[in-house]
Amino acid sequence: MLPCLAGPALAACTDPAKAAVNWRRCYLDGRDLKGVVLTDAMLREATFMRSDLSGADLTGSDAYRAKFFSAKLTQTRLDRARLIEADFTNADLTGATLAGADLRNAKLVGVKLVGANLSGAQIGGADLRNADLSGATWADGTKVCGPGSIGQCH
């Protein structure tokens, strides 16, 4: 009889929100995820369209190519998150922290980043058309964007 070699178990899209959950390619549209802890979660290519992630903690999560269209992410922690090519079109990230986040080539069109913290974030290639950056701390960690900073930090 051959021994049974089990590989790592993969979480299902119906698994509850928790740290290090694997929601890769899951559809989580319209969900109420206020205050959830998704630190170090695998969220690659997952969709959160119109979901409410207010006050959630996604620190260190991998959300490569995830979709957050029109999602509410106010006061959400996205520090050190991998958000390469993520789509935040029309999302509300008011007061969110994205310190050290990797936002390269992310789509941030029409996003509200009012009072957000982008200190140390990698933003090369990010599309900030019509993004409201008023009061946001810029990627250099020192500059605070002035009122009316739309599409770029003034």
C-alpha atoms as a PDB file:
ATOM      1  CA  MET A   1       0.000   0.000   0.000  1.00  0.00           C
ATOM      2  CA  LEU A   2       1.345   3.419  -0.951  1.00  0.00           C
ATOM      3  CA  PRO A   3       1.393   6.141   1.686  1.00  0.00           C
ATOM      4  CA  CYS A   4      -1.037   8.982   1.071  1.00  0.00           C
ATOM      5  CA  LEU A   5       0.775  12.266   0.592  1.00  0.00           C
ATOM      6  CA  ALA A   6      -1.536  15.180   1.252  1.00  0.00           C
ATOM      7  CA  GLY A   7      -0.709  18.589  -0.192  1.00  0.00           C
ATOM      8  CA  PRO A   8      -1.526  21.885   1.453  1.00  0.00           C
ATOM      9  CA  ALA A   9      -5.230  22.440   1.947  1.00  0.00           C
ATOM     10  CA  LEU A  10      -6.716  25.356   0.027  1.00  0.00           C
ATOM     11  CA  ALA A  11      -9.453  27.415   1.593  1.00  0.00           C
ATOM     12  CA  ALA A  12     -12.824  27.659  -0.104  1.00  0.00           C
ATOM     13  CA  CYS A  13     -14.436  30.945  -1.087  1.00  0.00           C
ATOM     14  CA  THR A  14     -17.077  30.262   1.556  1.00  0.00           C
ATOM     15  CA  ASP A  15     -14.508  30.181   4.378  1.00  0.00           C
ATOM     16  CA  PRO A  16     -14.987  32.906   6.989  1.00  0.00           C
ATOM     17  CA  ALA A  17     -12.862  36.059   6.950  1.00  0.00           C
ATOM     18  CA  LYS A  18      -9.700  35.523   8.991  1.00  0.00           C
ATOM     19  CA  ALA A  19      -5.980  36.157   8.892  1.00  0.00           C
ATOM     20  CA  ALA A  20      -4.147  34.264   6.116  1.00  0.00           C
ATOM     21  CA  VAL A  21      -7.386  33.060   4.480  1.00  0.00           C
ATOM     22  CA  ASN A  22      -7.044  31.911   0.861  1.00  0.00           C
ATOM     23  CA  TRP A  23      -9.719  33.691  -1.197  1.00  0.00           C
ATOM     24  CA  ARG A  24      -7.803  33.563  -4.468  1.00  0.00           C
ATOM     25  CA  ARG A  25     -10.126  34.212  -7.462  1.00  0.00           C
ATOM     26  CA  CYS A  26     -13.183  34.386  -5.177  1.00  0.00           C
ATOM     27  CA  TYR A  27     -16.217  36.563  -5.929  1.00  0.00           C
ATOM     28  CA  LEU A  28     -16.991  38.561  -2.795  1.00  0.00           C
ATOM     29  CA  ASP A  29     -19.059  41.303  -4.414  1.00  0.00           C
ATOM     30  CA  GLY A  30     -21.438  43.331  -2.246  1.00  0.00           C
ATOM     31  CA  ARG A  31     -20.264  41.741   1.019  1.00  0.00           C
ATOM     32  CA  ASP A  32     -20.326  43.385   4.432  1.00  0.00           C
ATOM     33  CA  LEU A  33     -16.743  42.884   5.593  1.00  0.00           C
ATOM     34  CA  LYS A  34     -16.519  45.839   7.988  1.00  0.00           C
ATOM     35  CA  GLY A  35     -13.687  45.471  10.490  1.00  0.00           C
ATOM     36  CA  VAL A  36     -12.568  42.016   9.347  1.00  0.00           C
ATOM     37  CA  VAL A  37      -8.970  40.920   9.853  1.00  0.00           C
ATOM     38  CA  LEU A  38      -7.479  39.664   6.598  1.00  0.00           C
ATOM     39  CA  THR A  39      -3.805  40.131   7.442  1.00  0.00           C
ATOM     40  CA  ASP A  40      -1.489  38.146   5.166  1.00  0.00           C
ATOM     41  CA  ALA A  41      -4.525  36.875   3.207  1.00  0.00           C
ATOM     42  CA  MET A  42      -4.293  35.493  -0.335  1.00  0.00           C
ATOM     43  CA  LEU A  43      -6.687  37.704  -2.316  1.00  0.00           C
ATOM     44  CA  ARG A  44      -5.122  37.454  -5.771  1.00  0.00           C
ATOM     45  CA  GLU A  45      -7.652  38.144  -8.538  1.00  0.00           C
ATOM     46  CA  ALA A  46     -10.556  38.203  -6.052  1.00  0.00           C
ATOM     47  CA  THR A  47     -13.403  40.668  -6.604  1.00  0.00           C
ATOM     48  CA  PHE A  48     -14.872  42.929  -3.929  1.00  0.00           C
ATOM     49  CA  MET A  49     -17.103  45.136  -6.100  1.00  0.00           C
ATOM     50  CA  ARG A  50     -19.352  47.360  -3.957  1.00  0.00           C
ATOM     51  CA  SER A  51     -18.231  45.527  -0.799  1.00  0.00           C
ATOM     52  CA  ASP A  52     -17.823  47.340   2.525  1.00  0.00           C
ATOM     53  CA  LEU A  53     -14.356  46.784   3.999  1.00  0.00           C
ATOM     54  CA  SER A  54     -14.461  49.847   6.270  1.00  0.00           C
ATOM     55  CA  GLY A  55     -12.016  49.509   9.146  1.00  0.00           C
ATOM     56  CA  ALA A  56     -10.748  46.148   7.878  1.00  0.00           C
ATOM     57  CA  ASP A  57      -7.107  45.112   8.292  1.00  0.00           C
ATOM     58  CA  LEU A  58      -5.518  43.799   5.095  1.00  0.00           C
ATOM     59  CA  THR A  59      -1.939  44.389   6.236  1.00  0.00           C
ATOM     60  CA  GLY A  60       0.489  42.242   4.259  1.00  0.00           C
ATOM     61  CA  SER A  61      -2.219  40.703   2.075  1.00  0.00           C
ATOM     62  CA  ASP A  62      -1.572  39.711  -1.540  1.00  0.00           C
ATOM     63  CA  ALA A  63      -4.303  41.307  -3.658  1.00  0.00           C
ATOM     64  CA  TYR A  64      -2.518  41.215  -7.015  1.00  0.00           C
ATOM     65  CA  ARG A  65      -5.065  42.083  -9.740  1.00  0.00           C
ATOM     66  CA  ALA A  66      -7.923  42.136  -7.194  1.00  0.00           C
ATOM     67  CA  LYS A  67     -10.947  44.243  -8.064  1.00  0.00           C
ATOM     68  CA  PHE A  68     -12.340  46.763  -5.573  1.00  0.00           C
ATOM     69  CA  PHE A  69     -14.689  48.708  -7.928  1.00  0.00           C
ATOM     70  CA  SER A  70     -16.857  51.126  -5.937  1.00  0.00           C
ATOM     71  CA  ALA A  71     -15.859  49.404  -2.680  1.00  0.00           C
ATOM     72  CA  LYS A  72     -15.858  51.199   0.657  1.00  0.00           C
ATOM     73  CA  LEU A  73     -12.429  50.971   2.292  1.00  0.00           C
ATOM     74  CA  THR A  74     -12.583  53.921   4.704  1.00  0.00           C
ATOM     75  CA  GLN A  75     -10.077  53.674   7.558  1.00  0.00           C
ATOM     76  CA  THR A  76      -8.863  50.343   6.114  1.00  0.00           C
ATOM     77  CA  ARG A  77      -5.290  49.176   6.750  1.00  0.00           C
ATOM     78  CA  LEU A  78      -3.496  48.081   3.589  1.00  0.00           C
ATOM     79  CA  ASP A  79       0.041  48.524   4.893  1.00  0.00           C
ATOM     80  CA  ARG A  80       2.641  46.470   2.993  1.00  0.00           C
ATOM     81  CA  ALA A  81      -0.141  44.919   0.881  1.00  0.00           C
ATOM     82  CA  ARG A  82       0.712  43.679  -2.615  1.00  0.00           C
ATOM     83  CA  LEU A  83      -1.771  45.593  -4.775  1.00  0.00           C
ATOM     84  CA  ILE A  84       0.000  45.408  -8.139  1.00  0.00           C
ATOM     85  CA  GLU A  85      -2.501  45.953 -10.967  1.00  0.00           C
ATOM     86  CA  ALA A  86      -5.400  46.036  -8.464  1.00  0.00           C
ATOM     87  CA  ASP A  87      -8.439  48.003  -9.628  1.00  0.00           C
ATOM     88  CA  PHE A  88      -9.891  50.515  -7.164  1.00  0.00           C
ATOM     89  CA  THR A  89     -12.006  52.472  -9.685  1.00  0.00           C
ATOM     90  CA  ASN A  90     -14.385  54.785  -7.774  1.00  0.00           C
ATOM     91  CA  ALA A  91     -13.519  53.190  -4.409  1.00  0.00           C
ATOM     92  CA  ASP A  92     -13.565  55.196  -1.172  1.00  0.00           C
ATOM     93  CA  LEU A  93     -10.238  54.920   0.670  1.00  0.00           C
ATOM     94  CA  THR A  94     -10.769  57.967   2.882  1.00  0.00           C
ATOM     95  CA  GLY A  95      -8.398  57.745   5.856  1.00  0.00           C
ATOM     96  CA  ALA A  96      -6.942  54.413   4.704  1.00  0.00           C
ATOM     97  CA  THR A  97      -3.310  53.536   5.404  1.00  0.00           C
ATOM     98  CA  LEU A  98      -1.268  52.180   2.511  1.00  0.00           C
ATOM     99  CA  ALA A  99       2.178  52.621   4.058  1.00  0.00           C
ATOM    100  CA  GLY A 100       4.700  50.525   2.153  1.00  0.00           C
ATOM    101  CA  ALA A 101       1.991  49.098  -0.144  1.00  0.00           C
ATOM    102  CA  ASP A 102       2.925  48.032  -3.668  1.00  0.00           C
ATOM    103  CA  LEU A 103       0.508  49.899  -5.952  1.00  0.00           C
ATOM    104  CA  ARG A 104       2.513  49.593  -9.165  1.00  0.00           C
ATOM    105  CA  ASN A 105       0.226  49.774 -12.205  1.00  0.00           C
ATOM    106  CA  ALA A 106      -2.859  49.915  -9.961  1.00  0.00           C
ATOM    107  CA  LYS A 107      -5.984  51.572 -11.321  1.00  0.00           C
ATOM    108  CA  LEU A 108      -7.004  54.358  -8.921  1.00  0.00           C
ATOM    109  CA  VAL A 109      -9.352  56.246 -11.236  1.00  0.00           C
ATOM    110  CA  GLY A 110     -11.879  58.401  -9.365  1.00  0.00           C
ATOM    111  CA  VAL A 111     -10.721  57.070  -5.992  1.00  0.00           C
ATOM    112  CA  LYS A 112     -11.195  59.046  -2.772  1.00  0.00           C
ATOM    113  CA  LEU A 113      -7.840  59.007  -0.962  1.00  0.00           C
ATOM    114  CA  VAL A 114      -8.738  61.956   1.281  1.00  0.00           C
ATOM    115  CA  GLY A 115      -6.465  61.881   4.349  1.00  0.00           C
ATOM    116  CA  ALA A 116      -4.951  58.538   3.314  1.00  0.00           C
ATOM    117  CA  ASN A 117      -1.372  57.599   4.209  1.00  0.00           C
ATOM    118  CA  LEU A 118       0.722  56.550   1.200  1.00  0.00           C
ATOM    119  CA  SER A 119       4.092  56.763   3.002  1.00  0.00           C
ATOM    120  CA  GLY A 120       6.613  54.491   1.330  1.00  0.00           C
ATOM    121  CA  ALA A 121       4.072  53.158  -1.177  1.00  0.00           C
ATOM    122  CA  GLN A 122       5.328  52.137  -4.617  1.00  0.00           C
ATOM    123  CA  ILE A 123       3.110  53.976  -7.087  1.00  0.00           C
ATOM    124  CA  GLY A 124       4.998  53.671 -10.379  1.00  0.00           C
ATOM    125  CA  GLY A 125       2.574  53.336 -13.280  1.00  0.00           C
ATOM    126  CA  ALA A 126      -0.498  53.805 -11.052  1.00  0.00           C
ATOM    127  CA  ASP A 127      -3.418  55.547 -12.803  1.00  0.00           C
ATOM    128  CA  LEU A 128      -4.588  58.387 -10.552  1.00  0.00           C
ATOM    129  CA  ARG A 129      -6.960  60.123 -12.992  1.00  0.00           C
ATOM    130  CA  ASN A 130      -9.591  62.079 -11.045  1.00  0.00           C
ATOM    131  CA  ALA A 131      -8.364  60.624  -7.729  1.00  0.00           C
ATOM    132  CA  ASP A 132      -8.991  62.966  -4.771  1.00  0.00           C
ATOM    133  CA  LEU A 133      -5.718  63.152  -2.825  1.00  0.00           C
ATOM    134  CA  SER A 134      -6.718  66.080  -0.583  1.00  0.00           C
ATOM    135  CA  GLY A 135      -4.930  65.800   2.760  1.00  0.00           C
ATOM    136  CA  ALA A 136      -3.201  62.536   1.829  1.00  0.00           C
ATOM    137  CA  THR A 137       0.360  61.905   2.961  1.00  0.00           C
ATOM    138  CA  TRP A 138       2.286  61.294  -0.263  1.00  0.00           C
ATOM    139  CA  ALA A 139       4.580  58.313  -0.971  1.00  0.00           C
ATOM    140  CA  ASP A 140       7.667  60.286   0.124  1.00  0.00           C
ATOM    141  CA  GLY A 141       6.226  60.255   3.668  1.00  0.00           C
ATOM    142  CA  THR A 142       6.599  64.019   4.159  1.00  0.00           C
ATOM    143  CA  LYS A 143       4.470  65.862   1.623  1.00  0.00           C
ATOM    144  CA  VAL A 144       0.782  66.324   2.474  1.00  0.00           C
ATOM    145  CA  CYS A 145      -1.386  66.962  -0.571  1.00  0.00           C
ATOM    146  CA  GLY A 146      -3.273  70.221  -0.467  1.00  0.00           C
ATOM    147  CA  PRO A 147      -7.029  70.750  -0.842  1.00  0.00           C
ATOM    148  CA  GLY A 148      -8.247  70.141  -4.372  1.00  0.00           C
ATOM    149  CA  SER A 149      -5.414  67.727  -5.245  1.00  0.00           C
ATOM    150  CA  ILE A 150      -7.220  65.856  -8.002  1.00  0.00           C
ATOM    151  CA  GLY A 151      -5.171  63.383 -10.034  1.00  0.00           C
ATOM    152  CA  GLN A 152      -1.895  64.561  -8.534  1.00  0.00           C
ATOM    153  CA  CYS A 153      -0.521  65.770  -5.212  1.00  0.00           C
ATOM    154  CA  HIS A 154      -0.165  69.573  -5.012  1.00  0.00           C
END
